[in-house]
């Protein structure tokens, strides 16, 4: 059975949200996180002259700003081969080292599940 077929519906949801954020904003990456209550936060890359944030760090910041105290999972949709250490550290800071980070390509296919 493929990894996509084995994905939890809630994990599929955050991948879909990440893909949507990427497409809607025409940015390099889209990301979404799910907090301890099941709420989701989706974001795209922020690339202003005075502020540069990856999509995943932006999604984590949105969760924190909304009162989340933990994360259950994170997803990033990107052409990159992996999530950066800085991105995984942001997830780890809020969710802990065991929080899965789903790495998906632009088509939504999960290429890897990384530890935060």
N, C-alpha and C. Protein backbone atom coordinates (compact mmCIF):
# COMPACT_ATOMS: atom_id res chain seq x y z
N UNK A 1 0.85 -1.18 0.00
CA UNK A 1 0.00 0.00 0.00
C UNK A 1 0.89 1.24 0.00
N UNK A 2 0.54 2.25 -0.81
CA UNK A 2 1.35 3.45 -0.90
C UNK A 2 1.23 4.28 0.36
N UNK A 3 2.21 5.17 0.57
CA UNK A 3 2.18 6.03 1.76
C UNK A 3 0.95 6.93 1.73
N UNK A 4 0.56 7.40 0.52
CA UNK A 4 -0.61 8.28 0.41
C UNK A 4 -1.88 7.54 0.86
N UNK A 5 -1.99 6.26 0.50
CA UNK A 5 -3.16 5.49 0.88
C UNK A 5 -3.20 5.26 2.39
N UNK A 6 -2.05 5.28 3.04
CA UNK A 6 -1.96 5.04 4.47
C UNK A 6 -2.12 6.32 5.30
N UNK A 7 -2.13 7.47 4.64
CA UNK A 7 -2.22 8.73 5.37
C UNK A 7 -3.54 8.86 6.10
N UNK A 8 -3.44 9.34 7.31
CA UNK A 8 -4.61 9.68 8.11
C UNK A 8 -5.36 10.80 7.38
N UNK A 9 -6.69 10.79 7.40
CA UNK A 9 -7.45 11.86 6.74
C UNK A 9 -7.07 13.26 7.24
N UNK A 10 -6.74 13.38 8.52
CA UNK A 10 -6.35 14.69 9.05
C UNK A 10 -4.99 15.13 8.50
N UNK A 11 -4.10 14.17 8.24
CA UNK A 11 -2.82 14.51 7.62
C UNK A 11 -3.02 14.89 6.16
N UNK A 12 -3.90 14.19 5.48
CA UNK A 12 -4.23 14.54 4.10
C UNK A 12 -4.77 15.97 4.04
N UNK A 13 -5.57 16.33 5.05
CA UNK A 13 -6.16 17.67 5.11
C UNK A 13 -5.09 18.75 5.19
N UNK A 14 -4.08 18.56 6.04
CA UNK A 14 -3.07 19.62 6.15
C UNK A 14 -2.20 19.69 4.89
N UNK A 15 -2.02 18.58 4.20
CA UNK A 15 -1.30 18.63 2.91
C UNK A 15 -2.13 19.42 1.90
N UNK A 16 -3.44 19.17 1.86
CA UNK A 16 -4.31 19.92 0.95
C UNK A 16 -4.30 21.40 1.29
N UNK A 17 -4.35 21.75 2.57
CA UNK A 17 -4.29 23.15 2.97
C UNK A 17 -2.96 23.79 2.56
N UNK A 18 -1.87 23.06 2.72
CA UNK A 18 -0.55 23.58 2.34
C UNK A 18 -0.47 23.79 0.83
N UNK A 19 -0.98 22.85 0.07
CA UNK A 19 -1.00 23.00 -1.40
C UNK A 19 -1.82 24.22 -1.80
N UNK A 20 -2.96 24.40 -1.14
CA UNK A 20 -3.83 25.53 -1.46
C UNK A 20 -3.16 26.87 -1.15
N UNK A 21 -2.48 26.94 -0.01
CA UNK A 21 -1.78 28.18 0.36
C UNK A 21 -0.69 28.51 -0.65
N UNK A 22 0.02 27.49 -1.08
CA UNK A 22 1.10 27.66 -2.07
C UNK A 22 0.52 28.18 -3.39
N UNK A 23 -0.54 27.54 -3.86
CA UNK A 23 -1.13 27.92 -5.14
C UNK A 23 -1.80 29.29 -5.07
N UNK A 24 -2.56 29.53 -4.01
CA UNK A 24 -3.31 30.79 -3.86
C UNK A 24 -2.37 32.00 -3.85
N UNK A 25 -1.22 31.84 -3.22
CA UNK A 25 -0.30 32.96 -3.08
C UNK A 25 0.84 32.95 -4.09
N UNK A 26 0.87 31.93 -4.96
CA UNK A 26 1.93 31.79 -5.97
C UNK A 26 3.32 31.93 -5.34
N UNK A 27 3.55 31.15 -4.28
CA UNK A 27 4.82 31.19 -3.56
C UNK A 27 5.54 29.84 -3.67
N UNK A 28 6.79 29.83 -3.28
CA UNK A 28 7.62 28.64 -3.40
C UNK A 28 7.17 27.48 -2.52
N UNK A 29 6.63 27.81 -1.35
CA UNK A 29 6.21 26.77 -0.42
C UNK A 29 4.87 27.10 0.21
N UNK A 30 4.16 26.06 0.55
CA UNK A 30 2.96 26.18 1.35
C UNK A 30 3.11 25.24 2.53
N UNK A 31 2.52 25.58 3.65
CA UNK A 31 2.63 24.72 4.83
C UNK A 31 1.35 24.81 5.63
N UNK A 32 1.14 23.79 6.45
CA UNK A 32 0.02 23.80 7.38
C UNK A 32 0.41 22.98 8.60
N UNK A 33 -0.12 23.38 9.73
CA UNK A 33 0.11 22.65 10.98
C UNK A 33 -1.25 22.39 11.64
N UNK A 34 -1.29 21.35 12.46
CA UNK A 34 -2.49 21.01 13.23
C UNK A 34 -2.12 21.04 14.69
N UNK A 35 -2.90 21.81 15.49
CA UNK A 35 -2.57 21.92 16.91
C UNK A 35 -3.22 20.81 17.72
N UNK A 36 -3.03 20.89 19.03
CA UNK A 36 -3.49 19.85 19.95
C UNK A 36 -5.00 19.72 20.01
N UNK A 37 -5.73 20.72 19.52
CA UNK A 37 -7.19 20.65 19.53
C UNK A 37 -7.76 20.29 18.16
N UNK A 38 -6.88 20.12 17.17
CA UNK A 38 -7.32 19.79 15.83
C UNK A 38 -7.47 21.00 14.92
N UNK A 39 -7.26 22.20 15.47
CA UNK A 39 -7.31 23.40 14.62
C UNK A 39 -6.13 23.39 13.66
N UNK A 40 -6.35 23.95 12.47
CA UNK A 40 -5.29 23.98 11.47
C UNK A 40 -4.95 25.42 11.11
N UNK A 41 -3.70 25.61 10.70
CA UNK A 41 -3.19 26.91 10.31
C UNK A 41 -2.38 26.71 9.04
N UNK A 42 -2.71 27.43 7.99
CA UNK A 42 -2.02 27.29 6.71
C UNK A 42 -1.37 28.61 6.33
N UNK A 43 -0.23 28.52 5.66
CA UNK A 43 0.50 29.73 5.29
C UNK A 43 1.39 29.46 4.08
N UNK A 44 1.76 30.52 3.43
CA UNK A 44 2.73 30.46 2.35
C UNK A 44 4.00 31.17 2.77
N UNK A 45 5.00 31.08 1.94
CA UNK A 45 6.25 31.77 2.16
C UNK A 45 6.00 33.28 2.25
N UNK A 46 6.67 33.94 3.20
CA UNK A 46 6.60 35.40 3.33
C UNK A 46 7.94 35.94 2.82
N UNK A 47 7.87 36.80 1.80
CA UNK A 47 9.10 37.34 1.22
C UNK A 47 8.95 38.85 1.01
N UNK A 48 8.99 39.57 2.12
CA UNK A 48 8.97 41.03 2.08
C UNK A 48 10.41 41.54 2.17
N UNK A 49 10.61 42.78 1.82
CA UNK A 49 11.96 43.34 1.94
C UNK A 49 12.46 43.26 3.38
N UNK A 50 11.56 43.50 4.34
CA UNK A 50 11.97 43.56 5.74
C UNK A 50 11.67 42.28 6.52
N UNK A 51 11.02 41.31 5.91
CA UNK A 51 10.64 40.09 6.63
C UNK A 51 10.64 38.90 5.68
N UNK A 52 11.42 37.90 6.02
CA UNK A 52 11.48 36.67 5.22
C UNK A 52 11.24 35.49 6.15
N UNK A 53 10.18 34.73 5.87
CA UNK A 53 9.84 33.55 6.66
C UNK A 53 9.44 32.42 5.73
N UNK A 54 9.87 31.23 6.05
CA UNK A 54 9.41 30.07 5.29
C UNK A 54 7.94 29.84 5.59
N UNK A 55 7.29 29.09 4.74
CA UNK A 55 5.88 28.79 4.94
C UNK A 55 5.65 28.04 6.26
N UNK A 56 6.53 27.10 6.58
CA UNK A 56 6.35 26.30 7.80
C UNK A 56 6.53 27.16 9.05
N UNK A 57 7.53 28.01 9.07
CA UNK A 57 7.70 28.89 10.23
C UNK A 57 6.55 29.87 10.36
N UNK A 58 5.99 30.32 9.23
CA UNK A 58 4.83 31.21 9.28
C UNK A 58 3.62 30.48 9.85
N UNK A 59 3.40 29.25 9.43
CA UNK A 59 2.27 28.47 9.95
C UNK A 59 2.42 28.22 11.45
N UNK A 60 3.63 27.92 11.90
CA UNK A 60 3.87 27.73 13.34
C UNK A 60 3.61 29.04 14.08
N UNK A 61 4.08 30.15 13.54
CA UNK A 61 3.85 31.45 14.18
C UNK A 61 2.36 31.76 14.27
N UNK A 62 1.61 31.44 13.25
CA UNK A 62 0.16 31.66 13.28
C UNK A 62 -0.49 30.83 14.37
N UNK A 63 -0.04 29.58 14.53
CA UNK A 63 -0.58 28.71 15.57
C UNK A 63 -0.29 29.30 16.95
N UNK A 64 0.94 29.72 17.17
CA UNK A 64 1.33 30.31 18.46
C UNK A 64 0.52 31.57 18.73
N UNK A 65 0.40 32.42 17.73
CA UNK A 65 -0.33 33.68 17.89
C UNK A 65 -1.82 33.44 18.17
N UNK A 66 -2.31 32.27 17.79
CA UNK A 66 -3.72 31.94 18.02
C UNK A 66 -3.94 31.16 19.31
N UNK A 67 -2.87 30.94 20.07
CA UNK A 67 -3.00 30.30 21.37
C UNK A 67 -2.71 28.81 21.42
N UNK A 68 -2.22 28.23 20.33
CA UNK A 68 -1.88 26.80 20.36
C UNK A 68 -0.75 26.56 21.35
N UNK A 69 -0.84 25.45 22.07
CA UNK A 69 0.21 25.12 23.03
C UNK A 69 1.01 23.89 22.61
N UNK A 70 0.58 23.22 21.54
CA UNK A 70 1.28 22.04 21.04
C UNK A 70 0.86 21.79 19.60
N UNK A 71 1.63 20.99 18.89
CA UNK A 71 1.28 20.59 17.53
C UNK A 71 1.19 19.08 17.44
N UNK A 72 0.24 18.60 16.66
CA UNK A 72 0.13 17.17 16.38
C UNK A 72 0.89 16.78 15.13
N UNK A 73 0.91 17.67 14.12
CA UNK A 73 1.56 17.37 12.85
C UNK A 73 1.77 18.64 12.06
N UNK A 74 2.69 18.55 11.09
CA UNK A 74 2.97 19.65 10.20
C UNK A 74 3.16 19.09 8.79
N UNK A 75 2.87 19.92 7.80
CA UNK A 75 3.09 19.53 6.40
C UNK A 75 3.67 20.71 5.66
N UNK A 76 4.58 20.42 4.75
CA UNK A 76 5.13 21.45 3.87
C UNK A 76 5.11 20.91 2.45
N UNK A 77 4.63 21.75 1.53
CA UNK A 77 4.59 21.42 0.11
C UNK A 77 5.65 22.27 -0.57
N UNK A 78 6.60 21.60 -1.19
CA UNK A 78 7.77 22.29 -1.72
C UNK A 78 8.44 21.46 -2.81
N UNK A 79 9.25 22.14 -3.60
CA UNK A 79 10.11 21.44 -4.56
C UNK A 79 11.40 20.99 -3.89
N UNK A 80 11.69 21.53 -2.70
CA UNK A 80 12.94 21.21 -2.00
C UNK A 80 12.98 19.73 -1.61
N UNK A 81 14.17 19.22 -1.43
CA UNK A 81 14.36 17.82 -1.08
C UNK A 81 14.06 17.52 0.38
N UNK A 82 14.09 18.53 1.23
CA UNK A 82 13.86 18.32 2.65
C UNK A 82 13.38 19.62 3.29
N UNK A 83 12.91 19.52 4.51
CA UNK A 83 12.57 20.71 5.29
C UNK A 83 13.85 21.15 6.00
N UNK A 84 14.07 22.45 6.06
CA UNK A 84 15.30 22.95 6.68
C UNK A 84 15.31 22.65 8.18
N UNK A 85 16.49 22.68 8.75
CA UNK A 85 16.64 22.48 10.19
C UNK A 85 15.89 23.57 10.95
N UNK A 86 15.92 24.82 10.44
CA UNK A 86 15.22 25.92 11.10
C UNK A 86 13.71 25.67 11.11
N UNK A 87 13.18 25.16 10.01
CA UNK A 87 11.75 24.87 9.95
C UNK A 87 11.39 23.76 10.92
N UNK A 88 12.16 22.70 10.93
CA UNK A 88 11.89 21.58 11.83
C UNK A 88 12.04 22.02 13.29
N UNK A 89 12.98 22.92 13.56
CA UNK A 89 13.17 23.42 14.93
C UNK A 89 11.94 24.20 15.39
N UNK A 90 11.32 24.97 14.51
CA UNK A 90 10.11 25.71 14.89
C UNK A 90 8.99 24.74 15.26
N UNK A 91 8.84 23.68 14.48
CA UNK A 91 7.83 22.65 14.79
C UNK A 91 8.17 21.98 16.12
N UNK A 92 9.44 21.66 16.31
CA UNK A 92 9.91 21.00 17.54
C UNK A 92 9.67 21.89 18.77
N UNK A 93 9.90 23.19 18.63
CA UNK A 93 9.70 24.11 19.75
C UNK A 93 8.27 24.07 20.28
N UNK A 94 7.32 23.92 19.38
CA UNK A 94 5.91 23.92 19.81
C UNK A 94 5.36 22.51 20.00
N UNK A 95 5.78 21.58 19.15
CA UNK A 95 5.19 20.25 19.18
C UNK A 95 6.02 19.17 19.82
N UNK A 96 7.31 19.41 19.97
CA UNK A 96 8.19 18.39 20.51
C UNK A 96 8.90 17.64 19.39
N UNK A 97 9.93 16.91 19.76
CA UNK A 97 10.79 16.23 18.79
C UNK A 97 10.06 15.15 17.99
N UNK A 98 9.00 14.58 18.54
CA UNK A 98 8.30 13.50 17.85
C UNK A 98 7.23 13.96 16.88
N UNK A 99 7.03 15.26 16.74
CA UNK A 99 6.00 15.76 15.84
C UNK A 99 6.39 15.46 14.39
N UNK A 100 5.53 14.76 13.65
CA UNK A 100 5.88 14.45 12.26
C UNK A 100 5.75 15.67 11.36
N UNK A 101 6.72 15.80 10.45
CA UNK A 101 6.68 16.83 9.42
C UNK A 101 6.56 16.10 8.09
N UNK A 102 5.41 16.24 7.46
CA UNK A 102 5.16 15.59 6.17
C UNK A 102 5.71 16.48 5.07
N UNK A 103 6.59 15.93 4.27
CA UNK A 103 7.20 16.66 3.16
C UNK A 103 6.55 16.17 1.87
N UNK A 104 5.87 17.07 1.18
CA UNK A 104 5.15 16.70 -0.04
C UNK A 104 5.59 17.55 -1.21
N UNK A 105 5.50 16.96 -2.38
CA UNK A 105 5.78 17.69 -3.61
C UNK A 105 4.58 18.55 -3.98
N UNK A 106 4.73 19.39 -5.00
CA UNK A 106 3.65 20.27 -5.43
C UNK A 106 2.35 19.53 -5.79
N UNK A 107 2.45 18.28 -6.19
CA UNK A 107 1.26 17.50 -6.53
C UNK A 107 0.59 16.88 -5.31
N UNK A 108 1.18 17.10 -4.12
CA UNK A 108 0.62 16.57 -2.88
C UNK A 108 1.13 15.20 -2.50
N UNK A 109 1.99 14.62 -3.32
CA UNK A 109 2.55 13.31 -3.00
C UNK A 109 3.57 13.43 -1.87
N UNK A 110 3.34 12.68 -0.80
CA UNK A 110 4.25 12.71 0.34
C UNK A 110 5.54 12.01 -0.05
N UNK A 111 6.65 12.72 0.06
CA UNK A 111 7.97 12.15 -0.27
C UNK A 111 8.69 11.64 0.95
N UNK A 112 8.35 12.21 2.12
CA UNK A 112 9.03 11.78 3.35
C UNK A 112 8.23 12.26 4.55
N UNK A 113 8.39 11.55 5.65
CA UNK A 113 7.88 12.00 6.95
C UNK A 113 9.11 12.16 7.83
N UNK A 114 9.38 13.39 8.22
CA UNK A 114 10.58 13.71 8.99
C UNK A 114 10.22 13.97 10.44
N UNK A 115 11.14 13.66 11.35
CA UNK A 115 10.91 14.06 12.75
C UNK A 115 11.19 15.56 12.87
N UNK A 116 10.44 16.21 13.75
CA UNK A 116 10.67 17.63 13.97
C UNK A 116 12.08 17.79 14.51
